[in-house]
Amino acid sequence: MDDIRKAISPKKTRSQAWLDLHDDAHSIGMKTTATMVYGFGETGAQRVEHLIKVRDQQDKSGGFTAFIPWSFSPNKTKLDCPRLMNGTDYLRMVAMARIILDNIPHLQAGWVTEGPDVSQLALQFGADDYGGVLMTEEVVSATGLEYGVTEDQVVNMIREAGYVPAQRTTQYDTIRVYGDEEEPVGAYDG
């Protein structure tokens, strides 16, 4: 993937520097997430290479709490896009990530980039986290994609998919389970 990364972001660090940074963070007890933007024209083998690097890092340091894949949106960029990614591409990526990254506890469905409906389907393809309701989001919206969801919509999408919705912290501690009583769980205070 470094050849793709060099072509689209020549000033950004290469994969080993990124892995080293996470290794350092994990070594002092910090937890992080791993992401993958795909759809720049990389091959399937390059996508698998990225996932294996993440998997190997997790085997080494154990500090990733989640993996979050999202498709490249070329809108408002100067980058060429050989083919726009679609929902099928995304669901394949989620399923592949769940199989390869069985050592990472959570896989997030990205409604921010894929929309609420495709993300709801992703829960059936290996994702176990629908993501959150964002107060602000500037990276993806800069491309022109602006899917907005409310807390009620997220709760309903998860329920419609056959799962029990819960609110969590960044570290995946449960704050609230949306059941009949809808009471906060534990001593989390904000």
N, C-alpha and C. Protein backbone atom coordinates (compact mmCIF):
# COMPACT_ATOMS: atom_id res chain seq x y z
N MET A 1 0.81 -1.20 0.00
CA MET A 1 0.00 0.00 0.00
C MET A 1 0.86 1.26 0.00
N ASP A 2 2.13 1.15 0.33
CA ASP A 2 2.95 2.36 0.38
C ASP A 2 3.06 3.02 -0.99
N ASP A 3 3.03 2.25 -2.08
CA ASP A 3 3.11 2.88 -3.39
C ASP A 3 1.87 3.72 -3.68
N ILE A 4 0.70 3.24 -3.28
CA ILE A 4 -0.54 4.01 -3.43
C ILE A 4 -0.49 5.23 -2.53
N ARG A 5 -0.06 5.03 -1.28
CA ARG A 5 0.01 6.14 -0.32
C ARG A 5 0.96 7.22 -0.81
N LYS A 6 2.09 6.81 -1.38
CA LYS A 6 3.06 7.77 -1.89
C LYS A 6 2.48 8.56 -3.07
N ALA A 7 1.70 7.91 -3.91
CA ALA A 7 1.12 8.58 -5.08
C ALA A 7 0.05 9.60 -4.68
N ILE A 8 -0.75 9.28 -3.68
CA ILE A 8 -1.86 10.19 -3.33
C ILE A 8 -1.53 11.15 -2.18
N SER A 9 -0.56 10.79 -1.33
CA SER A 9 -0.19 11.63 -0.18
C SER A 9 1.32 11.60 -0.01
N PRO A 10 2.05 12.21 -0.92
CA PRO A 10 3.52 12.10 -0.87
C PRO A 10 4.17 12.63 0.40
N LYS A 11 3.50 13.51 1.13
CA LYS A 11 4.10 14.09 2.34
C LYS A 11 3.71 13.34 3.62
N LYS A 12 2.80 12.38 3.51
CA LYS A 12 2.40 11.62 4.69
C LYS A 12 3.39 10.50 4.96
N THR A 13 3.37 10.03 6.21
CA THR A 13 4.27 8.95 6.60
C THR A 13 3.91 7.65 5.89
N ARG A 14 4.84 6.77 5.83
CA ARG A 14 4.62 5.45 5.24
C ARG A 14 4.07 4.51 6.30
N SER A 15 3.69 3.34 5.89
CA SER A 15 2.99 2.41 6.78
C SER A 15 3.82 2.05 8.01
N GLN A 16 5.11 1.86 7.86
CA GLN A 16 5.91 1.45 9.01
C GLN A 16 5.96 2.55 10.08
N ALA A 17 6.03 3.80 9.66
CA ALA A 17 6.00 4.90 10.63
C ALA A 17 4.65 4.95 11.34
N TRP A 18 3.58 4.70 10.62
CA TRP A 18 2.24 4.66 11.21
C TRP A 18 2.15 3.52 12.22
N LEU A 19 2.66 2.36 11.85
CA LEU A 19 2.65 1.21 12.77
C LEU A 19 3.51 1.47 13.99
N ASP A 20 4.66 2.08 13.80
CA ASP A 20 5.55 2.41 14.92
C ASP A 20 4.87 3.36 15.90
N LEU A 21 4.15 4.33 15.37
CA LEU A 21 3.44 5.29 16.22
C LEU A 21 2.41 4.56 17.10
N HIS A 22 1.65 3.67 16.49
CA HIS A 22 0.66 2.91 17.26
C HIS A 22 1.35 1.97 18.25
N ASP A 23 2.47 1.40 17.86
CA ASP A 23 3.21 0.53 18.77
C ASP A 23 3.65 1.32 20.00
N ASP A 24 4.15 2.53 19.78
CA ASP A 24 4.56 3.39 20.91
C ASP A 24 3.37 3.72 21.80
N ALA A 25 2.25 4.10 21.18
CA ALA A 25 1.05 4.43 21.97
C ALA A 25 0.58 3.23 22.77
N HIS A 26 0.55 2.07 22.15
CA HIS A 26 0.09 0.86 22.84
C HIS A 26 1.05 0.47 23.97
N SER A 27 2.35 0.74 23.77
CA SER A 27 3.33 0.35 24.79
C SER A 27 3.17 1.15 26.09
N ILE A 28 2.54 2.33 26.02
CA ILE A 28 2.30 3.12 27.24
C ILE A 28 0.85 3.03 27.69
N GLY A 29 0.11 2.06 27.15
CA GLY A 29 -1.24 1.81 27.59
C GLY A 29 -2.35 2.53 26.85
N MET A 30 -1.99 3.31 25.86
CA MET A 30 -3.02 3.99 25.08
C MET A 30 -3.68 3.00 24.14
N LYS A 31 -4.97 3.16 23.96
CA LYS A 31 -5.72 2.37 22.98
C LYS A 31 -6.00 3.25 21.77
N THR A 32 -5.97 2.67 20.59
CA THR A 32 -6.20 3.42 19.36
C THR A 32 -7.12 2.62 18.44
N THR A 33 -7.51 3.25 17.35
CA THR A 33 -8.26 2.56 16.32
C THR A 33 -7.44 2.53 15.04
N ALA A 34 -7.70 1.55 14.22
CA ALA A 34 -7.06 1.45 12.92
C ALA A 34 -8.11 1.73 11.86
N THR A 35 -7.73 2.46 10.83
CA THR A 35 -8.65 2.77 9.75
C THR A 35 -8.05 2.35 8.42
N MET A 36 -8.89 2.33 7.42
CA MET A 36 -8.42 2.07 6.07
C MET A 36 -9.35 2.76 5.08
N VAL A 37 -8.79 3.68 4.33
CA VAL A 37 -9.52 4.28 3.21
C VAL A 37 -9.13 3.47 1.99
N TYR A 38 -10.11 3.01 1.25
CA TYR A 38 -9.84 2.21 0.05
C TYR A 38 -10.61 2.81 -1.12
N GLY A 39 -10.22 2.42 -2.33
CA GLY A 39 -10.89 2.90 -3.52
C GLY A 39 -10.06 3.88 -4.32
N PHE A 40 -8.75 3.85 -4.12
CA PHE A 40 -7.84 4.72 -4.86
C PHE A 40 -7.27 4.03 -6.10
N GLY A 41 -7.74 2.83 -6.36
CA GLY A 41 -7.20 2.06 -7.47
C GLY A 41 -6.26 0.96 -7.01
N GLU A 42 -6.20 0.74 -5.71
CA GLU A 42 -5.35 -0.33 -5.18
C GLU A 42 -5.95 -1.69 -5.55
N THR A 43 -5.13 -2.69 -5.51
CA THR A 43 -5.58 -4.04 -5.83
C THR A 43 -6.15 -4.72 -4.58
N GLY A 44 -6.84 -5.82 -4.80
CA GLY A 44 -7.31 -6.61 -3.67
C GLY A 44 -6.17 -7.08 -2.82
N ALA A 45 -5.06 -7.46 -3.46
CA ALA A 45 -3.88 -7.91 -2.71
C ALA A 45 -3.32 -6.79 -1.84
N GLN A 46 -3.35 -5.56 -2.31
CA GLN A 46 -2.87 -4.44 -1.50
C GLN A 46 -3.80 -4.17 -0.31
N ARG A 47 -5.07 -4.37 -0.50
CA ARG A 47 -6.00 -4.22 0.62
C ARG A 47 -5.72 -5.28 1.68
N VAL A 48 -5.53 -6.50 1.24
CA VAL A 48 -5.22 -7.59 2.18
C VAL A 48 -3.89 -7.31 2.88
N GLU A 49 -2.90 -6.79 2.15
CA GLU A 49 -1.61 -6.44 2.75
C GLU A 49 -1.80 -5.45 3.90
N HIS A 50 -2.64 -4.44 3.69
CA HIS A 50 -2.93 -3.45 4.74
C HIS A 50 -3.54 -4.14 5.96
N LEU A 51 -4.54 -4.98 5.72
CA LEU A 51 -5.21 -5.67 6.82
C LEU A 51 -4.24 -6.57 7.59
N ILE A 52 -3.35 -7.23 6.88
CA ILE A 52 -2.37 -8.11 7.55
C ILE A 52 -1.40 -7.28 8.38
N LYS A 53 -0.99 -6.11 7.90
CA LYS A 53 -0.12 -5.25 8.71
C LYS A 53 -0.82 -4.83 10.00
N VAL A 54 -2.09 -4.49 9.90
CA VAL A 54 -2.86 -4.13 11.09
C VAL A 54 -2.98 -5.33 12.02
N ARG A 55 -3.27 -6.49 11.45
CA ARG A 55 -3.40 -7.71 12.26
C ARG A 55 -2.08 -8.02 12.99
N ASP A 56 -0.97 -7.94 12.27
CA ASP A 56 0.33 -8.23 12.88
C ASP A 56 0.64 -7.24 14.00
N GLN A 57 0.30 -5.97 13.79
CA GLN A 57 0.52 -4.98 14.85
C GLN A 57 -0.33 -5.30 16.07
N GLN A 58 -1.57 -5.72 15.85
CA GLN A 58 -2.44 -6.08 16.96
C GLN A 58 -1.89 -7.30 17.69
N ASP A 59 -1.37 -8.27 16.97
CA ASP A 59 -0.75 -9.43 17.62
C ASP A 59 0.43 -8.99 18.48
N LYS A 60 1.16 -8.00 18.02
CA LYS A 60 2.35 -7.52 18.73
C LYS A 60 2.00 -6.69 19.96
N SER A 61 1.07 -5.73 19.80
CA SER A 61 0.86 -4.77 20.88
C SER A 61 -0.53 -4.80 21.51
N GLY A 62 -1.51 -5.35 20.82
CA GLY A 62 -2.85 -5.52 21.39
C GLY A 62 -3.62 -4.27 21.71
N GLY A 63 -3.28 -3.14 21.13
CA GLY A 63 -3.90 -1.88 21.53
C GLY A 63 -5.01 -1.34 20.65
N PHE A 64 -5.32 -2.00 19.55
CA PHE A 64 -6.42 -1.51 18.71
C PHE A 64 -7.75 -1.95 19.30
N THR A 65 -8.65 -1.00 19.48
CA THR A 65 -9.99 -1.33 19.97
C THR A 65 -10.94 -1.62 18.83
N ALA A 66 -10.67 -1.02 17.67
CA ALA A 66 -11.60 -1.18 16.55
C ALA A 66 -10.88 -0.93 15.22
N PHE A 67 -11.49 -1.45 14.18
CA PHE A 67 -11.06 -1.19 12.81
C PHE A 67 -12.22 -0.52 12.10
N ILE A 68 -11.90 0.53 11.33
CA ILE A 68 -12.92 1.31 10.65
C ILE A 68 -12.53 1.47 9.18
N PRO A 69 -13.19 0.73 8.28
CA PRO A 69 -12.93 0.93 6.85
C PRO A 69 -13.87 1.99 6.28
N TRP A 70 -13.40 2.74 5.29
CA TRP A 70 -14.28 3.67 4.60
C TRP A 70 -13.79 3.89 3.20
N SER A 71 -14.74 4.10 2.30
CA SER A 71 -14.40 4.24 0.89
C SER A 71 -14.02 5.68 0.55
N PHE A 72 -13.11 5.79 -0.39
CA PHE A 72 -12.66 7.09 -0.88
C PHE A 72 -13.78 7.78 -1.65
N SER A 73 -14.00 9.03 -1.36
CA SER A 73 -14.95 9.85 -2.10
C SER A 73 -14.16 10.93 -2.83
N PRO A 74 -14.11 10.87 -4.16
CA PRO A 74 -13.27 11.82 -4.90
C PRO A 74 -13.86 13.22 -5.04
N ASN A 75 -15.11 13.41 -4.63
CA ASN A 75 -15.73 14.72 -4.76
C ASN A 75 -14.89 15.78 -4.09
N LYS A 76 -14.77 16.91 -4.73
CA LYS A 76 -14.04 18.07 -4.22
C LYS A 76 -12.56 17.79 -3.97
N THR A 77 -12.01 16.79 -4.66
CA THR A 77 -10.57 16.54 -4.60
C THR A 77 -10.01 16.62 -6.01
N LYS A 78 -8.71 16.66 -6.12
CA LYS A 78 -8.05 16.65 -7.41
C LYS A 78 -7.57 15.25 -7.79
N LEU A 79 -7.92 14.28 -6.95
CA LEU A 79 -7.46 12.91 -7.19
C LEU A 79 -8.36 12.20 -8.19
N ASP A 80 -7.73 11.43 -9.06
CA ASP A 80 -8.49 10.60 -9.98
C ASP A 80 -9.04 9.41 -9.22
N CYS A 81 -10.18 8.98 -9.62
CA CYS A 81 -10.81 7.81 -9.02
C CYS A 81 -11.15 6.84 -10.14
N PRO A 82 -10.44 5.70 -10.20
CA PRO A 82 -10.67 4.77 -11.29
C PRO A 82 -12.10 4.24 -11.35
N ARG A 83 -12.71 4.05 -10.20
CA ARG A 83 -14.09 3.56 -10.13
C ARG A 83 -14.63 3.91 -8.76
N LEU A 84 -15.80 4.52 -8.72
CA LEU A 84 -16.42 4.82 -7.44
C LEU A 84 -16.78 3.53 -6.72
N MET A 85 -16.50 3.49 -5.44
CA MET A 85 -16.86 2.33 -4.64
C MET A 85 -18.36 2.37 -4.37
N ASN A 86 -18.95 1.20 -4.22
CA ASN A 86 -20.38 1.13 -3.95
C ASN A 86 -20.63 0.29 -2.70
N GLY A 87 -21.90 0.10 -2.38
CA GLY A 87 -22.27 -0.64 -1.17
C GLY A 87 -21.74 -2.07 -1.17
N THR A 88 -21.75 -2.72 -2.31
CA THR A 88 -21.23 -4.09 -2.40
C THR A 88 -19.75 -4.12 -2.07
N ASP A 89 -19.00 -3.16 -2.60
CA ASP A 89 -17.56 -3.07 -2.29
C ASP A 89 -17.35 -2.92 -0.79
N TYR A 90 -18.17 -2.07 -0.18
CA TYR A 90 -18.03 -1.81 1.25
C TYR A 90 -18.35 -3.06 2.06
N LEU A 91 -19.42 -3.74 1.74
CA LEU A 91 -19.79 -4.94 2.48
C LEU A 91 -18.73 -6.03 2.32
N ARG A 92 -18.13 -6.13 1.15
CA ARG A 92 -17.01 -7.08 0.97
C ARG A 92 -15.83 -6.71 1.86
N MET A 93 -15.54 -5.41 1.94
CA MET A 93 -14.43 -4.95 2.79
C MET A 93 -14.70 -5.28 4.25
N VAL A 94 -15.92 -5.04 4.70
CA VAL A 94 -16.28 -5.33 6.09
C VAL A 94 -16.13 -6.83 6.36
N ALA A 95 -16.65 -7.66 5.47
CA ALA A 95 -16.57 -9.11 5.66
C ALA A 95 -15.11 -9.59 5.65
N MET A 96 -14.32 -9.06 4.74
CA MET A 96 -12.91 -9.44 4.68
C MET A 96 -12.18 -9.00 5.95
N ALA A 97 -12.46 -7.79 6.42
CA ALA A 97 -11.81 -7.29 7.63
C ALA A 97 -12.20 -8.14 8.84
N ARG A 98 -13.46 -8.55 8.92
CA ARG A 98 -13.88 -9.37 10.06
C ARG A 98 -13.15 -10.70 10.07
N ILE A 99 -12.93 -11.29 8.91
CA ILE A 99 -12.22 -12.57 8.84
C ILE A 99 -10.74 -12.40 9.17
N ILE A 100 -10.09 -11.42 8.55
CA ILE A 100 -8.64 -11.25 8.74
C ILE A 100 -8.32 -10.66 10.11
N LEU A 101 -9.14 -9.75 10.59
CA LEU A 101 -8.85 -9.04 11.84
C LEU A 101 -9.62 -9.64 13.01
N ASP A 102 -9.59 -10.94 13.12
CA ASP A 102 -10.32 -11.58 14.22
C ASP A 102 -9.68 -11.29 15.58
N ASN A 103 -8.53 -10.64 15.59
CA ASN A 103 -7.88 -10.28 16.84
C ASN A 103 -8.20 -8.84 17.28
N ILE A 104 -8.99 -8.12 16.51
CA ILE A 104 -9.43 -6.78 16.89
C ILE A 104 -10.89 -6.90 17.31
N PRO A 105 -11.21 -6.46 18.53
CA PRO A 105 -12.54 -6.76 19.08
C PRO A 105 -13.72 -6.11 18.36
N HIS A 106 -13.53 -4.97 17.73
CA HIS A 106 -14.68 -4.28 17.14
C HIS A 106 -14.40 -3.84 15.72
N LEU A 107 -15.44 -3.88 14.91
CA LEU A 107 -15.37 -3.43 13.53
C LEU A 107 -16.53 -2.46 13.34
N GLN A 108 -16.20 -1.23 13.00
CA GLN A 108 -17.22 -0.19 12.92
C GLN A 108 -17.81 -0.06 11.53
N ALA A 109 -19.12 -0.01 11.45
CA ALA A 109 -19.83 0.28 10.21
C ALA A 109 -19.85 1.79 10.04
N GLY A 110 -19.47 2.28 8.90
CA GLY A 110 -19.28 3.71 8.72
C GLY A 110 -20.42 4.41 8.03
N TRP A 111 -21.46 4.79 8.77
CA TRP A 111 -22.56 5.51 8.15
C TRP A 111 -22.12 6.88 7.64
N VAL A 112 -21.06 7.44 8.23
CA VAL A 112 -20.59 8.77 7.82
C VAL A 112 -20.18 8.77 6.35
N THR A 113 -19.56 7.69 5.89
CA THR A 113 -19.12 7.61 4.50
C THR A 113 -20.02 6.75 3.63
N GLU A 114 -20.66 5.77 4.20
CA GLU A 114 -21.41 4.80 3.40
C GLU A 114 -22.92 5.03 3.45
N GLY A 115 -23.37 5.85 4.37
CA GLY A 115 -24.80 6.09 4.52
C GLY A 115 -25.41 5.13 5.53
N PRO A 116 -26.54 5.52 6.09
CA PRO A 116 -27.13 4.70 7.16
C PRO A 116 -27.60 3.32 6.70
N ASP A 117 -28.13 3.20 5.49
CA ASP A 117 -28.67 1.92 5.05
C ASP A 117 -27.58 0.87 4.81
N VAL A 118 -26.52 1.25 4.11
CA VAL A 118 -25.41 0.31 3.87
C VAL A 118 -24.75 -0.06 5.19
N SER A 119 -24.63 0.91 6.07
CA SER A 119 -24.03 0.62 7.38
C SER A 119 -24.89 -0.33 8.19
N GLN A 120 -26.19 -0.21 8.05
CA GLN A 120 -27.08 -1.15 8.72
C GLN A 120 -26.83 -2.57 8.19
N LEU A 121 -26.69 -2.72 6.89
CA LEU A 121 -26.37 -4.02 6.30
C LEU A 121 -25.02 -4.54 6.78
N ALA A 122 -24.08 -3.63 7.01
CA ALA A 122 -22.74 -4.05 7.45
C ALA A 122 -22.78 -4.80 8.78
N LEU A 123 -23.82 -4.54 9.58
CA LEU A 123 -23.97 -5.28 10.84
C LEU A 123 -24.19 -6.77 10.57
N GLN A 124 -24.70 -7.12 9.40
CA GLN A 124 -24.89 -8.52 9.03
C GLN A 124 -23.64 -9.11 8.36
N PHE A 125 -22.64 -8.27 8.05
CA PHE A 125 -21.44 -8.70 7.36
C PHE A 125 -20.20 -8.71 8.25
N GLY A 126 -20.38 -8.51 9.56
CA GLY A 126 -19.26 -8.60 10.47
C GLY A 126 -19.03 -7.39 11.35
N ALA A 127 -19.63 -6.25 11.02
CA ALA A 127 -19.48 -5.07 11.89
C ALA A 127 -20.32 -5.27 13.15
N ASP A 128 -19.80 -4.78 14.27
CA ASP A 128 -20.55 -4.87 15.53
C ASP A 128 -20.73 -3.50 16.18
N ASP A 129 -20.37 -2.45 15.45
CA ASP A 129 -20.45 -1.09 15.98
C ASP A 129 -20.98 -0.22 14.86
N TYR A 130 -22.11 0.42 15.09
CA TYR A 130 -22.73 1.26 14.07
C TYR A 130 -22.08 2.64 13.99
N GLY A 131 -21.21 2.94 14.92
CA GLY A 131 -20.63 4.27 14.96
C GLY A 131 -21.48 5.16 15.84
N GLY A 132 -21.18 6.41 15.89
CA GLY A 132 -21.87 7.31 16.79
C GLY A 132 -22.53 8.47 16.09
N VAL A 133 -23.30 9.20 16.86
CA VAL A 133 -23.89 10.44 16.37
C VAL A 133 -22.86 11.52 16.61
N LEU A 134 -22.42 12.16 15.54
CA LEU A 134 -21.32 13.11 15.63
C LEU A 134 -21.81 14.52 15.91
N MET A 135 -21.09 15.20 16.77
CA MET A 135 -21.40 16.61 17.03
C MET A 135 -20.92 17.44 15.84
N THR A 136 -19.70 17.19 15.40
CA THR A 136 -19.15 17.84 14.22
C THR A 136 -18.34 16.81 13.45
N GLU A 137 -18.28 16.99 12.16
CA GLU A 137 -17.49 16.10 11.31
C GLU A 137 -17.03 16.94 10.13
N GLU A 138 -15.72 17.04 9.95
CA GLU A 138 -15.20 17.93 8.93
C GLU A 138 -14.44 17.24 7.81
N VAL A 139 -13.90 16.06 8.06
CA VAL A 139 -13.07 15.41 7.06
C VAL A 139 -13.91 14.89 5.90
N VAL A 140 -14.90 14.06 6.20
CA VAL A 140 -15.72 13.48 5.15
C VAL A 140 -16.64 14.53 4.53
N SER A 141 -17.21 15.40 5.34
CA SER A 141 -18.13 16.41 4.80
C SER A 141 -17.42 17.35 3.83
N ALA A 142 -16.11 17.50 3.95
CA ALA A 142 -15.35 18.34 3.01
C ALA A 142 -15.39 17.77 1.60
N THR A 143 -15.70 16.48 1.46
CA THR A 143 -15.79 15.86 0.14
C THR A 143 -17.18 16.02 -0.45
N GLY A 144 -18.10 16.56 0.31
CA GLY A 144 -19.46 16.73 -0.17
C GLY A 144 -20.43 15.68 0.35
N LEU A 145 -19.91 14.63 0.98
CA LEU A 145 -20.78 13.62 1.57
C LEU A 145 -21.28 14.14 2.91
N GLU A 146 -22.57 14.14 3.09
CA GLU A 146 -23.11 14.61 4.36
C GLU A 146 -24.33 13.80 4.73
N TYR A 147 -24.08 12.62 5.27
CA TYR A 147 -25.16 11.83 5.82
C TYR A 147 -25.33 12.26 7.27
N GLY A 148 -26.51 12.64 7.64
CA GLY A 148 -26.76 13.01 9.02
C GLY A 148 -27.72 12.04 9.65
N VAL A 149 -27.45 11.64 10.85
CA VAL A 149 -28.38 10.78 11.57
C VAL A 149 -28.54 11.31 12.98
N THR A 150 -29.71 11.06 13.52
CA THR A 150 -29.98 11.42 14.90
C THR A 150 -29.81 10.19 15.78
N GLU A 151 -29.78 10.41 17.07
CA GLU A 151 -29.67 9.30 18.01
C GLU A 151 -30.83 8.32 17.82
N ASP A 152 -32.03 8.84 17.67
CA ASP A 152 -33.20 7.96 17.48
C ASP A 152 -33.07 7.13 16.21
N GLN A 153 -32.56 7.73 15.14
CA GLN A 153 -32.38 6.98 13.89
C GLN A 153 -31.37 5.85 14.07
N VAL A 154 -30.26 6.14 14.73
CA VAL A 154 -29.24 5.12 14.96
C VAL A 154 -29.83 3.97 15.79
N VAL A 155 -30.51 4.29 16.85
CA VAL A 155 -31.13 3.27 17.70
C VAL A 155 -32.09 2.41 16.88
N ASN A 156 -32.92 3.04 16.06
CA ASN A 156 -33.88 2.29 15.25
C ASN A 156 -33.19 1.43 14.19
N MET A 157 -32.13 1.95 13.56
CA MET A 157 -31.42 1.17 12.54
C MET A 157 -30.82 -0.10 13.16
N ILE A 158 -30.25 0.04 14.35
CA ILE A 158 -29.66 -1.12 15.02
C ILE A 158 -30.75 -2.12 15.41
N ARG A 159 -31.84 -1.63 15.94
CA ARG A 159 -32.96 -2.52 16.30
C ARG A 159 -33.52 -3.23 15.07
N GLU A 160 -33.70 -2.49 13.97
CA GLU A 160 -34.24 -3.09 12.74
C GLU A 160 -33.31 -4.18 12.19
N ALA A 161 -32.01 -4.05 12.47
CA ALA A 161 -31.05 -5.06 12.03
C ALA A 161 -31.06 -6.29 12.93
N GLY A 162 -31.80 -6.21 14.05
CA GLY A 162 -31.93 -7.36 14.94
C GLY A 162 -30.98 -7.35 16.12
N TYR A 163 -30.42 -6.19 16.43
CA TYR A 163 -29.46 -6.10 17.53
C TYR A 163 -29.97 -5.15 18.62
N VAL A 164 -29.35 -5.23 19.79
CA VAL A 164 -29.71 -4.36 20.90
C VAL A 164 -28.76 -3.16 20.89
N PRO A 165 -29.29 -1.96 20.69
CA PRO A 165 -28.42 -0.78 20.67
C PRO A 165 -27.91 -0.42 22.06
N ALA A 166 -26.68 0.09 22.08
CA ALA A 166 -26.09 0.55 23.34
C ALA A 166 -25.21 1.76 23.05
N GLN A 167 -25.14 2.64 24.01
CA GLN A 167 -24.23 3.78 23.94
C GLN A 167 -22.95 3.38 24.64
N ARG A 168 -21.81 3.79 24.08
CA ARG A 168 -20.52 3.37 24.63
C ARG A 168 -19.55 4.54 24.69
N THR A 169 -18.47 4.32 25.42
CA THR A 169 -17.37 5.28 25.43
C THR A 169 -16.43 4.93 24.29
N THR A 170 -15.43 5.76 24.09
CA THR A 170 -14.41 5.48 23.08
C THR A 170 -13.70 4.17 23.35
N GLN A 171 -13.61 3.79 24.62
CA GLN A 171 -12.92 2.55 25.00
C GLN A 171 -13.88 1.35 25.07
N TYR A 172 -15.09 1.53 24.56
CA TYR A 172 -16.10 0.47 24.50
C TYR A 172 -16.65 0.05 25.86
N ASP A 173 -16.64 0.95 26.81
CA ASP A 173 -17.36 0.71 28.06
C ASP A 173 -18.81 1.12 27.83
N THR A 174 -19.74 0.28 28.26
CA THR A 174 -21.15 0.55 28.03
C THR A 174 -21.64 1.64 28.98
N ILE A 175 -22.29 2.63 28.41
CA ILE A 175 -22.90 3.72 29.18
C ILE A 175 -24.38 3.43 29.38
N ARG A 176 -25.02 2.98 28.29
CA ARG A 176 -26.46 2.83 28.31
C ARG A 176 -26.88 1.76 27.30
N VAL A 177 -27.76 0.88 27.71
CA VAL A 177 -28.36 -0.10 26.81
C VAL A 177 -29.78 0.37 26.55
N TYR A 178 -30.13 0.45 25.27
CA TYR A 178 -31.47 0.91 24.90
C TYR A 178 -32.43 -0.26 24.94
N GLY A 179 -32.99 -0.50 26.12
CA GLY A 179 -33.99 -1.53 26.31
C GLY A 179 -35.29 -0.88 26.72
N ASP A 180 -36.11 -1.63 27.38
CA ASP A 180 -37.40 -1.10 27.81
C ASP A 180 -37.24 0.03 28.83
N GLU A 181 -36.29 -0.15 29.75
CA GLU A 181 -36.12 0.84 30.81
C GLU A 181 -35.26 2.02 30.37
N GLU A 182 -34.35 1.83 29.42
CA GLU A 182 -33.47 2.86 28.89
C GLU A 182 -32.80 3.69 29.99
N GLU A 183 -32.27 3.00 30.97
CA GLU A 183 -31.56 3.65 32.07
C GLU A 183 -30.05 3.57 31.83
N PRO A 184 -29.30 4.58 32.27
CA PRO A 184 -27.84 4.51 32.16
C PRO A 184 -27.27 3.31 32.94
N VAL A 185 -26.17 2.78 32.42
CA VAL A 185 -25.51 1.64 33.04
C VAL A 185 -24.23 2.13 33.70
N GLY A 186 -23.96 1.69 34.93
CA GLY A 186 -22.69 2.00 35.58
C GLY A 186 -22.61 3.41 36.11
N ALA A 187 -21.40 3.84 36.39
CA ALA A 187 -21.20 5.12 37.06
C ALA A 187 -20.61 6.16 36.13
N TYR A 188 -20.78 6.01 34.84
CA TYR A 188 -20.24 6.97 33.88
C TYR A 188 -20.98 8.30 34.02
N ASP A 189 -20.22 9.39 34.14
CA ASP A 189 -20.90 10.67 34.32
C ASP A 189 -20.44 11.72 33.30
N GLY A 190 -20.12 11.29 32.12
CA GLY A 190 -19.93 12.27 31.09
C GLY A 190 -18.66 12.37 30.44
